[in-house]
């Protein structure tokens, strides 16, 4: 206890059990067996990449499980634009070594819901570009690691790091390539830091020091410790989750070691709804809004539109990402009048005033974000854009919204109950206080109008990101999604809200210019009697009528924040 080894790492650790003592002792012995104290540094300056690319470890946060891979793929399109193929898909001809690839984690099907996923980057440069964007914008990614070694036990990981021995022979060139880049291990002037994290358990500080000592002995590290500004930040991860423990998926014991490329922050917590000045009953959660902005690839120079803006939660996230914003809503009281709020500091035109009116503009001013270019009273069925104008089409880079689908709030569109009232002109003295009449807006019609306005006003390559309901009932097709001839589904991520129903975050990309005749024929088919879309008009009734019925049990961590 308290002995300092050459290299500056002091081992101050007292094992709690005899098993723990022999475990660390065996790891230290295996790390020092028959090997010199420094690793080879041959070709360390050349930076050559093997044909297998750079193998990364993507560490996720345990929330919104089905959204995680899709967010990384969207951020990769912003960083590199190379694309992905899944672990069960082989590269097409000429694509090997040019795209990113997901690889399933160890531990079977349930381990896919865990925090660790493998990611193959085609080049080291592509990995660094992705890490730069993820570190700045990532919501569900905790960190990105250049994976150097792994093993089912600490001893196996240390031996793998020392000798480059792996179970899969195809990974050996990749491991050797990483070992050629670790010249820092034999540099006495280098500074380093270790970050040890456990999934399903907390690694005590004494055990962390012991693990660090084992790894330093394995790689012959002679540098100095620097916790504030290290040259090399190393990551050590461990999974050891038994079934039904802490309400988490069961994952076998496994160890990971590598160089930390980026670590994200919870930047979106600055926009918490609990601290926001102006809220409504359906204001989008700040974390989900940040996810939607990433899926829409909002960034400086882009224009994002929300046709159901409400209190502006989604546009706040898009504005944080640097995009210009524009919004519309059917309720004139929300976007123009706002509400009076007492006993609060409200920022108006750069100055704080007491007991003032709050509105959508207040939210942007209080965060110091650029205001939207405009807020208009409209609905998706009749946008106030001139269709004859050449600039009315290919107008927006992204349409990001949460349309009303009749469970928490029903949809409304402009129109009166009596036909003779529609053509009446509002007197001048009542225009400021006039509330236009509205009519019911079915879910099917709302969705068809949303896809049509996106196909018409998005640029080619622009993205539509919206939520669509799903229900665990026999009458509602769970895997069905609305379509449009100009739009292609890129991602569909499901969030299970209850045992009966949930919602899907759908990302669609515009692939070709808008054709009015083709779009009109498709609209007729979508709203034709007997179509699957019309079944969603009865979603509220079906969800609440089946709430007492026995449905299949879902994993409770799927839709929760953990």
Protein backbone atom coordinates (compact mmCIF):
# COMPACT_ATOMS: atom_id res chain seq x y z
CA UNK A 1 0.00 0.00 0.00
CA UNK A 2 1.30 3.43 -0.94
CA UNK A 3 4.17 2.16 -3.09
CA UNK A 4 5.13 4.35 -6.03
CA UNK A 5 6.28 2.59 -9.18
CA UNK A 6 8.56 4.15 -11.84
CA UNK A 7 6.37 6.36 -13.99
CA UNK A 8 4.57 8.31 -11.31
CA UNK A 9 1.51 6.12 -10.56
CA UNK A 10 1.08 5.36 -6.90
CA UNK A 11 -0.87 2.22 -6.00
CA UNK A 12 -2.83 2.86 -2.84
CA UNK A 13 -5.32 0.04 -2.64
CA UNK A 14 -6.48 -2.43 -0.05
CA UNK A 15 -8.61 -5.31 -1.39
CA UNK A 16 -11.90 -5.86 0.34
CA UNK A 17 -11.92 -9.59 -0.37
CA UNK A 18 -9.35 -12.30 -0.98
CA UNK A 19 -10.83 -12.83 -4.45
CA UNK A 20 -10.23 -9.19 -5.33
CA UNK A 21 -6.62 -9.43 -4.15
CA UNK A 22 -5.81 -12.43 -6.35
CA UNK A 23 -7.64 -10.89 -9.32
CA UNK A 24 -5.46 -7.77 -9.35
CA UNK A 25 -2.33 -9.73 -8.48
CA UNK A 26 -2.88 -12.10 -11.43
CA UNK A 27 -3.47 -9.18 -13.80
CA UNK A 28 -0.24 -7.49 -12.70
CA UNK A 29 1.70 -10.73 -13.08
CA UNK A 30 0.36 -11.44 -16.59
CA UNK A 31 1.02 -7.88 -17.70
CA UNK A 32 4.72 -8.13 -16.73
CA UNK A 33 5.44 -11.67 -17.97
CA UNK A 34 8.19 -12.00 -20.51
CA UNK A 35 7.90 -8.58 -22.16
CA UNK A 36 10.03 -5.43 -22.19
CA UNK A 37 8.82 -2.33 -20.34
CA UNK A 38 8.13 -0.26 -23.45
CA UNK A 39 6.00 -0.94 -26.49
CA UNK A 40 7.25 -0.75 -30.01
CA UNK A 41 6.87 2.59 -31.74
CA UNK A 42 7.65 1.49 -35.27
CA UNK A 43 5.74 3.44 -37.93
CA UNK A 44 4.22 5.61 -35.19
CA UNK A 45 4.71 8.77 -37.22
CA UNK A 46 3.43 7.43 -40.50
CA UNK A 47 -0.17 7.17 -39.28
CA UNK A 48 -0.97 4.47 -41.83
CA UNK A 49 -4.47 3.00 -41.67
CA UNK A 50 -5.06 -0.68 -42.20
CA UNK A 51 -7.64 -1.95 -44.63
CA UNK A 52 -9.89 -2.57 -41.63
CA UNK A 53 -10.15 1.12 -40.78
CA UNK A 54 -10.30 2.59 -37.28
CA UNK A 55 -12.33 0.68 -34.73
CA UNK A 56 -14.21 2.94 -32.32
CA UNK A 57 -16.24 2.37 -29.20
CA UNK A 58 -19.39 4.47 -29.01
CA UNK A 59 -20.58 4.88 -25.41
CA UNK A 60 -24.23 5.91 -25.20
CA UNK A 61 -26.41 7.32 -22.49
CA UNK A 62 -29.15 4.97 -21.33
CA UNK A 63 -32.15 6.88 -22.64
CA UNK A 64 -34.24 6.88 -25.83
CA UNK A 65 -32.71 3.52 -26.78
CA UNK A 66 -34.03 3.35 -30.37
CA UNK A 67 -32.90 6.89 -31.19
CA UNK A 68 -29.18 6.46 -30.52
CA UNK A 69 -27.78 4.95 -33.71
CA UNK A 70 -29.93 7.23 -35.86
CA UNK A 71 -28.56 10.34 -34.13
CA UNK A 72 -24.94 9.30 -34.77
CA UNK A 73 -25.72 8.60 -38.43
CA UNK A 74 -27.30 12.05 -38.81
CA UNK A 75 -24.27 13.72 -37.19
CA UNK A 76 -21.96 11.71 -39.45
CA UNK A 77 -23.76 13.09 -42.51
CA UNK A 78 -22.97 16.57 -41.21
CA UNK A 79 -19.34 15.73 -40.44
CA UNK A 80 -18.27 13.50 -43.36
CA UNK A 81 -21.21 12.49 -45.54
CA UNK A 82 -19.80 9.00 -46.13
CA UNK A 83 -22.81 6.99 -44.98
CA UNK A 84 -23.36 3.79 -42.96
CA UNK A 85 -24.07 0.14 -43.45
CA UNK A 86 -25.25 -2.14 -40.66
CA UNK A 87 -23.37 -5.00 -39.07
CA UNK A 88 -25.47 -7.58 -40.94
CA UNK A 89 -24.88 -5.87 -44.30
CA UNK A 90 -21.76 -6.33 -46.36
CA UNK A 91 -20.30 -3.45 -48.35
CA UNK A 92 -21.43 -3.16 -51.93
CA UNK A 93 -18.90 -3.30 -54.72
CA UNK A 94 -16.41 -0.48 -54.44
CA UNK A 95 -17.69 0.67 -51.03
CA UNK A 96 -15.38 -1.30 -48.73
CA UNK A 97 -13.31 1.06 -46.66
CA UNK A 98 -15.32 4.13 -47.70
CA UNK A 99 -18.26 4.01 -45.25
CA UNK A 100 -18.88 3.74 -41.54
CA UNK A 101 -20.16 0.46 -40.16
CA UNK A 102 -21.97 -0.48 -36.94
CA UNK A 103 -20.95 -3.70 -35.19
CA UNK A 104 -23.16 -5.25 -32.53
CA UNK A 105 -21.79 -5.34 -28.97
CA UNK A 106 -20.84 -8.54 -27.21
CA UNK A 107 -23.49 -10.23 -25.10
CA UNK A 108 -26.31 -11.21 -27.42
CA UNK A 109 -29.56 -9.51 -28.32
CA UNK A 110 -30.11 -7.77 -24.98
CA UNK A 111 -26.65 -6.19 -25.11
CA UNK A 112 -27.87 -4.10 -28.05
CA UNK A 113 -29.82 -2.04 -25.52
CA UNK A 114 -26.66 -1.45 -23.50
CA UNK A 115 -24.38 1.60 -23.68
CA UNK A 116 -21.54 0.11 -25.78
CA UNK A 117 -21.55 -0.26 -29.58
CA UNK A 118 -18.64 -0.83 -31.96
CA UNK A 119 -18.20 1.56 -34.86
CA UNK A 120 -15.83 1.09 -37.81
CA UNK A 121 -14.55 4.32 -39.37
CA UNK A 122 -12.99 4.07 -42.84
CA UNK A 123 -10.05 6.35 -41.90
CA UNK A 124 -8.57 8.00 -38.85
CA UNK A 125 -9.39 11.39 -40.36
CA UNK A 126 -13.07 10.46 -40.71
CA UNK A 127 -13.14 9.29 -37.08
CA UNK A 128 -11.72 12.61 -35.88
CA UNK A 129 -14.22 14.61 -37.96
CA UNK A 130 -17.09 12.61 -36.50
CA UNK A 131 -15.72 13.05 -32.97
CA UNK A 132 -15.54 16.83 -33.44
CA UNK A 133 -19.24 17.08 -34.38
CA UNK A 134 -20.41 14.52 -31.80
CA UNK A 135 -18.48 16.28 -29.03
CA UNK A 136 -20.23 19.55 -29.87
CA UNK A 137 -23.75 18.37 -30.76
CA UNK A 138 -24.23 14.88 -29.31
CA UNK A 139 -27.26 14.28 -27.08
CA UNK A 140 -27.38 10.50 -26.58
CA UNK A 141 -23.65 9.84 -27.08
CA UNK A 142 -21.63 10.01 -23.89
CA UNK A 143 -18.18 9.65 -25.45
CA UNK A 144 -16.35 8.28 -28.49
CA UNK A 145 -13.27 6.11 -27.90
CA UNK A 146 -10.52 4.85 -30.19
CA UNK A 147 -10.62 1.23 -29.02
CA UNK A 148 -7.16 -0.26 -28.37
CA UNK A 149 -7.92 -3.32 -26.28
CA UNK A 150 -10.74 -5.34 -24.75
CA UNK A 151 -11.33 -8.58 -22.89
CA UNK A 152 -13.78 -10.55 -20.79
CA UNK A 153 -11.55 -9.95 -17.76
CA UNK A 154 -9.11 -7.27 -16.69
CA UNK A 155 -6.26 -9.75 -17.12
CA UNK A 156 -7.31 -10.61 -20.67
CA UNK A 157 -7.55 -6.93 -21.60
CA UNK A 158 -4.10 -6.20 -20.18
CA UNK A 159 -2.63 -9.18 -22.04
CA UNK A 160 -4.37 -8.08 -25.25
CA UNK A 161 -2.92 -4.61 -24.87
CA UNK A 162 0.55 -5.98 -24.25
CA UNK A 163 0.78 -8.70 -26.88
CA UNK A 164 -1.93 -7.76 -29.40
CA UNK A 165 -3.55 -11.18 -28.97
CA UNK A 166 -7.25 -11.22 -29.86
CA UNK A 167 -9.78 -13.97 -30.32
CA UNK A 168 -10.74 -12.89 -33.82
CA UNK A 169 -7.71 -13.10 -36.09
CA UNK A 170 -9.20 -10.59 -38.51
CA UNK A 171 -8.85 -7.87 -35.89
CA UNK A 172 -5.10 -8.40 -35.43
CA UNK A 173 -4.00 -5.90 -38.12
CA UNK A 174 -6.24 -3.28 -36.52
CA UNK A 175 -4.78 -3.88 -33.06
CA UNK A 176 -1.22 -3.74 -34.38
CA UNK A 177 -2.02 -0.48 -36.15
CA UNK A 178 -3.19 1.03 -32.89
CA UNK A 179 -0.14 -0.19 -31.02
CA UNK A 180 2.05 1.55 -33.57
CA UNK A 181 0.47 4.88 -32.56
CA UNK A 182 1.07 4.62 -28.81
CA UNK A 183 4.48 6.24 -28.71
CA UNK A 184 3.20 8.22 -25.73
CA UNK A 185 3.74 5.14 -23.55
CA UNK A 186 7.52 5.41 -23.82
CA UNK A 187 7.71 9.23 -23.70
CA UNK A 188 8.75 10.47 -20.26
CA UNK A 189 7.57 13.99 -21.06
CA UNK A 190 4.00 12.97 -21.93
CA UNK A 191 1.06 13.54 -19.59
CA UNK A 192 -1.93 11.27 -19.29
CA UNK A 193 -5.21 10.69 -17.49
CA UNK A 194 -7.41 7.62 -16.98
CA UNK A 195 -11.22 7.76 -16.79
CA UNK A 196 -12.75 4.58 -15.34
CA UNK A 197 -16.49 4.03 -15.73
CA UNK A 198 -18.70 1.07 -14.93
CA UNK A 199 -22.11 0.21 -16.31
CA UNK A 200 -24.41 -1.33 -13.71
CA UNK A 201 -21.92 -0.74 -10.92
CA UNK A 202 -19.78 2.02 -9.48
CA UNK A 203 -16.05 1.32 -9.57
CA UNK A 204 -14.56 2.38 -6.20
CA UNK A 205 -11.60 4.75 -6.31
CA UNK A 206 -9.27 2.17 -4.77
CA UNK A 207 -10.16 -0.33 -7.50
CA UNK A 208 -9.72 2.36 -10.16
CA UNK A 209 -6.17 2.99 -8.97
CA UNK A 210 -5.44 -0.72 -9.11
CA UNK A 211 -6.84 -1.01 -12.66
CA UNK A 212 -4.76 1.99 -13.78
CA UNK A 213 -1.62 0.45 -12.33
CA UNK A 214 -2.26 -2.81 -14.17
CA UNK A 215 -2.69 -1.02 -17.51
CA UNK A 216 0.38 1.17 -16.97
CA UNK A 217 2.49 -1.89 -16.25
CA UNK A 218 1.07 -3.64 -19.30
CA UNK A 219 2.00 -0.88 -21.72
CA UNK A 220 5.15 0.32 -19.96
CA UNK A 221 3.91 3.85 -19.39
CA UNK A 222 6.54 6.24 -17.96
CA UNK A 223 4.66 9.54 -18.36
CA UNK A 224 3.20 11.82 -15.72
CA UNK A 225 -0.34 12.25 -14.46
CA UNK A 226 -2.24 15.42 -15.39
CA UNK A 227 -5.93 15.49 -14.47
CA UNK A 228 -6.70 18.97 -15.83
CA UNK A 229 -5.02 19.16 -19.25
CA UNK A 230 -3.56 15.78 -20.22
CA UNK A 231 -2.06 15.10 -23.62
CA UNK A 232 -3.66 11.65 -23.65
CA UNK A 233 -7.02 10.93 -22.04
CA UNK A 234 -7.53 7.17 -21.74
CA UNK A 235 -10.90 5.51 -21.19
CA UNK A 236 -11.55 2.30 -19.24
CA UNK A 237 -15.07 0.86 -19.35
CA UNK A 238 -16.54 -2.18 -17.64
CA UNK A 239 -19.93 -3.89 -17.87
CA UNK A 240 -21.18 -6.24 -15.21
CA UNK A 241 -24.99 -6.19 -15.05
CA UNK A 242 -26.94 -9.17 -13.80
CA UNK A 243 -30.58 -9.77 -14.81
CA UNK A 244 -33.16 -7.43 -13.25
CA UNK A 245 -30.45 -5.36 -11.57
CA UNK A 246 -31.12 -1.61 -11.46
CA UNK A 247 -33.80 -2.09 -14.14
CA UNK A 248 -31.10 -2.41 -16.84
CA UNK A 249 -30.47 -4.94 -19.64
CA UNK A 250 -28.37 -7.95 -18.69
CA UNK A 251 -24.85 -7.66 -20.14
CA UNK A 252 -21.91 -10.02 -19.46
CA UNK A 253 -18.74 -8.79 -17.78
CA UNK A 254 -16.44 -7.13 -20.31
CA UNK A 255 -13.61 -4.57 -20.24
CA UNK A 256 -12.71 -1.86 -22.79
CA UNK A 257 -9.63 0.36 -23.08
CA UNK A 258 -8.80 3.10 -25.57
CA UNK A 259 -7.99 6.73 -26.27
CA UNK A 260 -10.82 9.18 -25.65
CA UNK A 261 -11.63 11.13 -28.83
CA UNK A 262 -14.47 13.24 -27.46
CA UNK A 263 -16.78 13.54 -24.48
CA UNK A 264 -20.13 15.30 -24.74
CA UNK A 265 -21.82 17.61 -22.28
CA UNK A 266 -25.48 18.00 -21.38
CA UNK A 267 -25.65 21.37 -23.14
CA UNK A 268 -29.38 20.95 -23.71
CA UNK A 269 -30.05 21.23 -19.95
CA UNK A 270 -29.63 24.99 -20.34
CA UNK A 271 -33.07 24.92 -22.02
CA UNK A 272 -34.98 22.97 -19.36
CA UNK A 273 -38.73 23.45 -19.47
CA UNK A 274 -38.82 23.94 -15.71
CA UNK A 275 -36.84 27.17 -16.11
CA UNK A 276 -38.49 28.45 -19.29
CA UNK A 277 -40.49 31.66 -19.26
CA UNK A 278 -43.29 30.73 -21.67
CA UNK A 279 -44.77 27.23 -21.72
CA UNK A 280 -47.83 25.42 -23.02
CA UNK A 281 -49.44 22.04 -22.23
CA UNK A 282 -47.74 20.37 -25.22
CA UNK A 283 -44.31 22.08 -25.16
CA UNK A 284 -41.69 19.67 -26.47
CA UNK A 285 -39.15 18.32 -23.97
CA UNK A 286 -35.82 20.14 -24.32
CA UNK A 287 -33.81 16.93 -24.80
CA UNK A 288 -36.14 15.54 -27.48
CA UNK A 289 -36.11 18.92 -29.24
CA UNK A 290 -32.31 18.80 -29.35
CA UNK A 291 -32.52 15.30 -30.84
CA UNK A 292 -34.93 16.51 -33.52
CA UNK A 293 -32.60 19.38 -34.43
CA UNK A 294 -29.74 16.87 -34.86
CA UNK A 295 -31.88 14.55 -36.97
CA UNK A 296 -32.83 17.52 -39.18
CA UNK A 297 -29.11 18.41 -39.46
CA UNK A 298 -29.74 22.02 -38.48
CA UNK A 299 -26.61 24.16 -38.72
CA UNK A 300 -25.56 27.71 -39.68
CA UNK A 301 -26.86 28.79 -43.08
CA UNK A 302 -29.93 26.50 -42.96
CA UNK A 303 -33.59 27.51 -42.60
CA UNK A 304 -35.89 25.39 -40.40
CA UNK A 305 -39.69 25.64 -40.35
CA UNK A 306 -42.16 24.42 -37.70
CA UNK A 307 -45.80 24.64 -38.86
CA UNK A 308 -47.03 23.77 -35.33
CA UNK A 309 -44.69 26.07 -33.45
CA UNK A 310 -46.69 26.53 -30.24
CA UNK A 311 -44.36 28.00 -27.61
CA UNK A 312 -41.31 27.47 -29.83
CA UNK A 313 -39.54 24.59 -28.04
CA UNK A 314 -38.36 22.89 -31.23
CA UNK A 315 -37.24 26.13 -32.85
CA UNK A 316 -35.20 26.97 -29.73
CA UNK A 317 -33.13 23.82 -30.32
CA UNK A 318 -32.80 24.57 -34.03
CA UNK A 319 -31.67 28.12 -33.26
CA UNK A 320 -29.06 26.81 -30.80
CA UNK A 321 -27.68 24.68 -33.65
CA UNK A 322 -27.18 27.85 -35.68
CA UNK A 323 -30.09 27.55 -38.12
CA UNK A 324 -32.44 30.38 -39.04
CA UNK A 325 -35.99 29.59 -37.93
CA UNK A 326 -39.55 30.27 -39.08
CA UNK A 327 -42.80 29.20 -37.44
CA UNK A 328 -46.54 29.01 -37.86
CA UNK A 329 -49.50 28.04 -35.67
CA UNK A 330 -53.27 27.97 -35.96
CA UNK A 331 -53.76 29.58 -32.51
CA UNK A 332 -53.24 33.33 -32.86
CA UNK A 333 -53.36 33.70 -29.07
CA UNK A 334 -50.16 31.68 -28.68
CA UNK A 335 -47.96 33.38 -31.26
CA UNK A 336 -49.17 36.99 -30.86
CA UNK A 337 -50.84 37.58 -27.51
CA UNK A 338 -48.84 35.36 -25.16
CA UNK A 339 -49.81 35.68 -21.50
CA UNK A 340 -49.17 37.77 -18.45
CA UNK A 341 -46.73 36.32 -15.96
CA UNK A 342 -46.30 37.72 -12.49
CA UNK A 343 -43.24 37.85 -10.24
CA UNK A 344 -40.67 36.96 -12.85
CA UNK A 345 -37.86 38.61 -14.74
CA UNK A 346 -38.81 38.90 -18.39
CA UNK A 347 -36.32 40.11 -20.97
CA UNK A 348 -37.89 42.48 -23.49
CA UNK A 349 -35.78 44.22 -26.13
CA UNK A 350 -32.60 43.60 -24.18
CA UNK A 351 -33.91 44.81 -20.79
CA UNK A 352 -35.41 42.92 -17.87
CA UNK A 353 -38.82 44.08 -16.66
CA UNK A 354 -41.02 42.88 -13.82
CA UNK A 355 -44.51 41.41 -14.26
CA UNK A 356 -44.45 41.64 -18.06
CA UNK A 357 -46.08 39.77 -20.90
CA UNK A 358 -44.35 36.58 -22.04
CA UNK A 359 -44.61 35.05 -25.49
CA UNK A 360 -42.60 33.00 -27.97
CA UNK A 361 -40.13 35.86 -28.46
CA UNK A 362 -39.46 35.90 -24.72
CA UNK A 363 -38.05 32.37 -24.81
CA UNK A 364 -35.51 33.29 -27.49
CA UNK A 365 -34.57 36.56 -25.80
CA UNK A 366 -34.05 34.94 -22.39
CA UNK A 367 -31.62 32.40 -23.91
CA UNK A 368 -29.81 35.00 -26.00
CA UNK A 369 -30.75 33.20 -29.23
CA UNK A 370 -31.62 34.86 -32.54
CA UNK A 371 -35.35 35.41 -32.92
CA UNK A 372 -37.27 33.55 -35.65
CA UNK A 373 -37.47 35.30 -38.99
CA UNK A 374 -41.23 35.35 -38.53
CA UNK A 375 -44.24 33.72 -36.85
CA UNK A 376 -47.44 33.45 -38.88
CA UNK A 377 -50.97 32.35 -38.13
CA UNK A 378 -51.62 29.40 -40.45
CA UNK A 379 -52.08 25.66 -40.61
CA UNK A 380 -50.53 22.97 -42.76
CA UNK A 381 -53.56 22.84 -45.07
CA UNK A 382 -53.23 26.44 -46.25
CA UNK A 383 -49.84 28.08 -45.96
CA UNK A 384 -49.71 31.78 -46.91
CA UNK A 385 -47.01 31.29 -49.55
CA UNK A 386 -47.69 32.25 -53.15
CA UNK A 387 -47.56 29.09 -55.19
CA UNK A 388 -47.04 31.06 -58.39
CA UNK A 389 -43.80 32.57 -57.08
CA UNK A 390 -40.62 30.77 -58.06
CA UNK A 391 -39.19 31.19 -54.56
CA UNK A 392 -42.17 29.52 -52.83
CA UNK A 393 -40.81 26.05 -53.59
CA UNK A 394 -37.41 24.82 -52.43
CA UNK A 395 -37.70 27.28 -49.55
CA UNK A 396 -36.75 25.38 -46.37
CA UNK A 397 -33.81 23.12 -45.53
CA UNK A 398 -35.72 21.35 -42.76
CA UNK A 399 -39.29 20.99 -41.52
CA UNK A 400 -39.20 19.97 -37.85
CA UNK A 401 -42.46 19.58 -35.95
CA UNK A 402 -44.73 17.64 -33.61
CA UNK A 403 -48.14 17.55 -35.33
CA UNK A 404 -51.32 17.06 -33.26
CA UNK A 405 -52.50 13.47 -33.55
CA UNK A 406 -55.47 13.57 -31.21
CA UNK A 407 -54.26 12.02 -27.94
CA UNK A 408 -52.97 14.93 -25.87
CA UNK A 409 -54.39 17.65 -28.10
CA UNK A 410 -56.66 17.58 -31.11
CA UNK A 411 -55.85 19.27 -34.38
CA UNK A 412 -57.59 22.38 -35.67
CA UNK A 413 -57.55 24.09 -39.06
CA UNK A 414 -58.95 27.38 -40.24
CA UNK A 415 -62.60 27.42 -41.28
CA UNK A 416 -65.96 28.19 -39.72
CA UNK A 417 -68.93 26.08 -38.83
CA UNK A 418 -71.18 28.12 -41.12
CA UNK A 419 -70.25 28.67 -44.74
CA UNK A 420 -71.69 32.19 -44.93
CA UNK A 421 -69.22 33.40 -42.28
CA UNK A 422 -66.10 32.48 -44.27
CA UNK A 423 -66.30 35.39 -46.71
CA UNK A 424 -67.14 38.07 -44.16
CA UNK A 425 -64.49 40.75 -43.72
CA UNK A 426 -63.34 41.56 -40.18
CA UNK A 427 -63.83 45.26 -39.29
CA UNK A 428 -60.66 47.30 -38.92
CA UNK A 429 -61.30 48.16 -35.27
CA UNK A 430 -61.54 44.47 -34.34
CA UNK A 431 -58.69 42.97 -36.29
CA UNK A 432 -56.23 43.16 -33.39
CA UNK A 433 -58.56 41.27 -31.04
CA UNK A 434 -60.23 38.98 -33.57
CA UNK A 435 -59.85 35.23 -33.10
CA UNK A 436 -60.49 33.44 -36.41
CA UNK A 437 -62.83 30.49 -36.31
CA UNK A 438 -61.44 26.99 -36.70
CA UNK A 439 -62.70 23.53 -37.62
CA UNK A 440 -61.75 20.01 -36.62
CA UNK A 441 -58.61 18.61 -38.24
CA UNK A 442 -58.37 14.82 -38.45
CA UNK A 443 -55.06 13.03 -37.95
CA UNK A 444 -55.09 11.55 -41.45
CA UNK A 445 -55.68 14.92 -43.14
CA UNK A 446 -53.08 16.62 -40.92
CA UNK A 447 -50.38 14.09 -41.82
CA UNK A 448 -51.14 14.18 -45.55
CA UNK A 449 -50.96 17.99 -45.54
CA UNK A 450 -47.69 17.93 -43.59
CA UNK A 451 -46.00 15.58 -46.07
CA UNK A 452 -47.33 17.57 -49.02
CA UNK A 453 -46.11 20.95 -47.74
CA UNK A 454 -42.70 19.38 -46.96
CA UNK A 455 -42.43 17.88 -50.43
CA UNK A 456 -43.38 21.22 -51.97
CA UNK A 457 -41.31 23.64 -49.90
CA UNK A 458 -38.20 21.61 -48.95
CA UNK A 459 -35.08 21.83 -51.05
CA UNK A 460 -33.98 18.57 -52.69
CA UNK A 461 -32.01 16.81 -49.95
CA UNK A 462 -33.94 18.67 -47.23
CA UNK A 463 -35.31 16.79 -44.22
CA UNK A 464 -38.72 16.38 -42.65
CA UNK A 465 -38.55 15.33 -38.97
CA UNK A 466 -41.84 14.71 -37.18
CA UNK A 467 -43.53 12.46 -34.63
CA UNK A 468 -46.10 9.89 -35.72
CA UNK A 469 -48.24 7.85 -33.28
CA UNK A 470 -48.06 4.09 -32.82
CA UNK A 471 -50.33 1.84 -30.81
CA UNK A 472 -50.10 -1.73 -29.53
CA UNK A 473 -53.56 -2.72 -30.81
CA UNK A 474 -54.73 -5.07 -33.48
CA UNK A 475 -56.59 -2.41 -35.44
CA UNK A 476 -53.71 0.05 -35.72
CA UNK A 477 -50.88 -1.13 -38.03
CA UNK A 478 -47.79 -0.68 -35.87
CA UNK A 479 -45.14 -0.72 -38.60
CA UNK A 480 -47.06 1.37 -41.11
CA UNK A 481 -45.86 4.89 -42.02
CA UNK A 482 -47.37 7.52 -44.34
CA UNK A 483 -45.53 8.11 -47.61
CA UNK A 484 -45.09 10.64 -50.40
CA UNK A 485 -43.62 10.23 -53.91
CA UNK A 486 -40.96 12.91 -53.28
CA UNK A 487 -39.96 11.78 -49.77
CA UNK A 488 -37.97 8.76 -48.62
CA UNK A 489 -37.88 7.44 -45.04
CA UNK A 490 -34.34 7.56 -43.68
CA UNK A 491 -34.89 6.76 -40.00
CA UNK A 492 -37.81 5.64 -37.85
CA UNK A 493 -37.19 5.54 -34.08
CA UNK A 494 -39.92 4.39 -31.69
CA UNK A 495 -40.47 5.62 -28.14
CA UNK A 496 -42.80 3.49 -26.03
CA UNK A 497 -44.72 5.89 -23.80
CA UNK A 498 -47.14 3.43 -22.18
CA UNK A 499 -48.04 -0.24 -22.42
CA UNK A 500 -50.66 0.68 -25.02
CA UNK A 501 -49.26 3.40 -27.25
CA UNK A 502 -46.13 5.30 -28.20
CA UNK A 503 -44.73 7.52 -30.91
CA UNK A 504 -42.17 7.31 -33.70
CA UNK A 505 -39.68 9.97 -34.67
CA UNK A 506 -39.69 9.78 -38.48
CA UNK A 507 -36.97 11.35 -40.62
CA UNK A 508 -37.70 11.71 -44.34
CA UNK A 509 -35.49 13.13 -47.10
CA UNK A 510 -36.72 14.87 -50.25
CA UNK A 511 -35.23 13.00 -53.21
CA UNK A 512 -36.78 14.70 -56.27
CA UNK A 513 -38.60 17.90 -57.28
CA UNK A 514 -42.28 18.32 -56.49
CA UNK A 515 -44.82 17.20 -59.11
CA UNK A 516 -48.37 18.56 -58.40
CA UNK A 517 -50.16 15.91 -60.49
CA UNK A 518 -48.28 13.01 -58.92
CA UNK A 519 -48.78 14.45 -55.42
CA UNK A 520 -52.51 14.93 -56.04
CA UNK A 521 -53.03 11.32 -57.11
CA UNK A 522 -51.09 10.07 -54.11
CA UNK A 523 -53.18 12.21 -51.76
CA UNK A 524 -56.38 10.64 -53.09
CA UNK A 525 -55.01 7.14 -52.44
CA UNK A 526 -53.90 8.04 -48.91
CA UNK A 527 -57.34 9.39 -47.97
CA UNK A 528 -59.36 6.79 -49.87
CA UNK A 529 -61.90 4.76 -47.94
CA UNK A 530 -60.27 1.73 -46.31
CA UNK A 531 -56.70 3.07 -46.30
CA UNK A 532 -54.48 2.37 -43.29
CA UNK A 533 -54.03 6.08 -42.61
CA UNK A 534 -57.75 6.56 -41.86
CA UNK A 535 -57.45 4.06 -38.99
CA UNK A 536 -55.36 6.59 -37.09
CA UNK A 537 -58.37 8.91 -36.89
CA UNK A 538 -59.74 6.53 -34.23
CA UNK A 539 -56.45 6.39 -32.34
CA UNK A 540 -57.73 8.11 -29.19
CA UNK A 541 -60.73 5.79 -28.97
CA UNK A 542 -58.70 2.64 -29.60
CA UNK A 543 -55.92 3.55 -27.17
CA UNK A 544 -58.25 4.29 -24.28
CA UNK A 545 -60.59 1.37 -24.99
CA UNK A 546 -57.67 -1.08 -24.87
CA UNK A 547 -55.96 0.48 -21.84
CA UNK A 548 -57.39 -2.19 -19.57
CA UNK A 549 -56.66 -5.08 -21.88
CA UNK A 550 -53.64 -7.29 -21.42
CA UNK A 551 -50.94 -6.41 -23.94
CA UNK A 552 -47.46 -7.74 -24.41
CA UNK A 553 -44.97 -6.57 -21.81
CA UNK A 554 -42.29 -4.19 -22.98
CA UNK A 555 -38.93 -3.57 -21.37
CA UNK A 556 -39.41 -0.76 -18.91
CA UNK A 557 -36.09 0.92 -19.70
CA UNK A 558 -36.99 1.33 -23.38
CA UNK A 559 -38.82 4.62 -23.16
CA UNK A 560 -37.39 6.03 -19.94
CA UNK A 561 -34.42 8.13 -18.97
CA UNK A 562 -31.96 6.04 -16.94
